[in-house]
Amino acid sequence: MRGQRHLVCRASELPPGERRIVRLGGRSIGVFNVGGSFYALHNGCPHKGGALCEGPVCGTTVDASFGYGRHGEIVRCAWHGWEFDIATGVAVADPAVRARTYPVVVEDDHVMVVLPRARKEPDDE
């Protein structure tokens, strides 16, 4: 996987249903364990810039009868309640709105977020 890997923690230190907010490459990023799979989201809500990853991890309404589901797969922005799928970053109410996601790899029990490499400016060469 291309990009620069940044160590977050050991997988055993981030159990299912938990999250860790870290600063990597100058960015605030939330790393989530959803049922044993790891995901990373930019900690900024695309709606108004609130600390998205600090909001509650929850579920959401899933059908016209107002059934509740997807428990533990959604993060709700603490500022205005916008809900986002942790795995994809897609807003529940408007799929055209997305939170930035980052690839996560787990190797030898180490959870790592992969960030794009900084672009070289002409003066950097």
Protein backbone atom coordinates (compact mmCIF):
# COMPACT_ATOMS: atom_id res chain seq x y z
CA MET A 1 0.00 0.00 0.00
CA ARG A 2 1.44 3.36 -1.04
CA GLY A 3 1.99 6.14 1.44
CA GLN A 4 3.69 6.54 4.76
CA ARG A 5 2.67 4.24 7.62
CA HIS A 6 2.19 5.75 11.08
CA LEU A 7 2.01 3.55 14.15
CA VAL A 8 -1.10 4.13 16.26
CA CYS A 9 -1.02 1.31 18.84
CA ARG A 10 -1.08 -2.45 19.22
CA ALA A 11 -4.32 -4.02 17.97
CA SER A 12 -4.73 -5.60 21.40
CA GLU A 13 -4.81 -2.08 22.93
CA LEU A 14 -7.82 -1.04 20.82
CA PRO A 15 -10.63 -3.55 21.46
CA PRO A 16 -13.83 -3.75 19.38
CA GLY A 17 -16.12 -0.79 19.98
CA GLU A 18 -13.27 1.51 21.04
CA ARG A 19 -11.51 4.40 19.31
CA ARG A 20 -8.31 6.32 19.69
CA ILE A 21 -7.79 9.89 18.48
CA VAL A 22 -4.22 10.59 17.42
CA ARG A 23 -2.22 13.29 15.69
CA LEU A 24 -0.38 11.96 12.64
CA GLY A 25 1.38 13.97 9.96
CA GLY A 26 -0.15 17.18 11.33
CA ARG A 27 -3.68 15.74 11.16
CA SER A 28 -6.11 14.76 13.90
CA ILE A 29 -7.38 11.27 13.06
CA GLY A 30 -9.79 8.92 14.80
CA VAL A 31 -8.94 5.22 14.61
CA PHE A 32 -11.86 2.87 15.31
CA ASN A 33 -12.19 -0.86 15.90
CA VAL A 34 -15.56 -1.96 14.50
CA GLY A 35 -16.08 -5.66 15.14
CA GLY A 36 -12.37 -6.42 14.78
CA SER A 37 -11.82 -4.30 11.65
CA PHE A 38 -9.90 -1.05 11.91
CA TYR A 39 -10.84 2.23 10.23
CA ALA A 40 -9.49 5.78 10.28
CA LEU A 41 -11.39 9.04 9.77
CA HIS A 42 -10.25 12.64 9.68
CA ASN A 43 -11.35 14.21 12.97
CA GLY A 44 -13.16 17.07 11.25
CA CYS A 45 -16.82 16.98 10.30
CA PRO A 46 -17.35 18.06 6.68
CA HIS A 47 -20.52 19.92 7.79
CA LYS A 48 -19.01 22.60 10.04
CA GLY A 49 -15.58 21.31 11.08
CA GLY A 50 -16.53 19.89 14.48
CA ALA A 51 -14.44 17.16 16.11
CA LEU A 52 -16.26 14.31 14.37
CA CYS A 53 -14.39 11.43 15.97
CA GLU A 54 -15.12 12.66 19.49
CA GLY A 55 -18.87 12.16 19.02
CA PRO A 56 -20.76 9.06 20.14
CA VAL A 57 -20.29 5.76 18.33
CA CYS A 58 -23.81 4.51 17.74
CA GLY A 59 -26.25 3.06 15.24
CA THR A 60 -28.91 4.79 13.19
CA THR A 61 -32.43 4.52 11.81
CA VAL A 62 -32.33 1.85 9.11
CA ASP A 63 -35.76 1.69 7.51
CA ALA A 64 -39.08 3.48 6.99
CA SER A 65 -40.52 1.94 10.17
CA PHE A 66 -37.77 3.73 12.13
CA GLY A 67 -36.01 0.53 13.06
CA TYR A 68 -32.63 0.98 14.75
CA GLY A 69 -29.59 -0.87 13.48
CA ARG A 70 -25.91 -0.74 12.55
CA HIS A 71 -24.98 -0.33 16.20
CA GLY A 72 -21.30 0.53 16.60
CA GLU A 73 -20.84 1.33 12.88
CA ILE A 74 -21.77 5.03 12.95
CA VAL A 75 -20.10 8.06 14.53
CA ARG A 76 -22.30 11.07 15.27
CA CYS A 77 -20.73 14.53 15.22
CA ALA A 78 -21.05 16.08 18.67
CA TRP A 79 -21.69 19.56 17.25
CA HIS A 80 -24.78 19.05 15.06
CA GLY A 81 -25.52 15.33 15.11
CA TRP A 82 -24.53 14.48 11.55
CA GLU A 83 -23.97 10.72 11.29
CA PHE A 84 -21.19 9.07 9.28
CA ASP A 85 -20.42 5.45 8.44
CA ILE A 86 -17.11 4.73 10.16
CA ALA A 87 -15.96 2.29 7.46
CA THR A 88 -16.63 4.53 4.45
CA GLY A 89 -16.94 8.08 5.79
CA VAL A 90 -20.27 8.49 3.95
CA ALA A 91 -22.90 10.66 5.65
CA VAL A 92 -26.03 8.68 6.51
CA ALA A 93 -28.45 11.48 5.54
CA ASP A 94 -26.65 12.57 2.37
CA PRO A 95 -24.33 10.09 0.63
CA ALA A 96 -22.81 12.95 -1.39
CA VAL A 97 -21.16 14.20 1.82
CA ARG A 98 -18.13 12.26 3.04
CA ALA A 99 -15.65 12.48 5.87
CA ARG A 100 -12.05 11.82 4.80
CA THR A 101 -10.94 8.25 5.38
CA TYR A 102 -7.44 6.78 5.55
CA PRO A 103 -6.29 3.21 4.95
CA VAL A 104 -5.39 1.16 8.01
CA VAL A 105 -3.10 -1.86 8.05
CA VAL A 106 -2.43 -4.28 10.87
CA GLU A 107 0.90 -6.11 10.89
CA ASP A 108 2.35 -8.06 13.79
CA ASP A 109 -0.37 -6.68 16.11
CA HIS A 110 0.52 -3.08 15.16
CA VAL A 111 -2.28 -0.79 13.88
CA MET A 112 -0.91 1.69 11.34
CA VAL A 113 -2.63 4.48 9.43
CA VAL A 114 -1.35 5.09 5.92
CA LEU A 115 -1.10 8.75 4.98
CA PRO A 116 -0.24 10.11 1.56
CA ARG A 117 3.37 11.10 1.18
CA ALA A 118 3.96 14.83 1.15
CA ARG A 119 4.36 16.19 -2.34
CA LYS A 120 7.78 17.52 -3.17
CA GLU A 121 7.86 21.18 -4.02
CA PRO A 122 10.40 22.31 -6.66
CA ASP A 123 12.60 23.82 -3.91
CA ASP A 124 12.66 20.45 -2.03
CA GLU A 125 14.71 18.69 -4.71
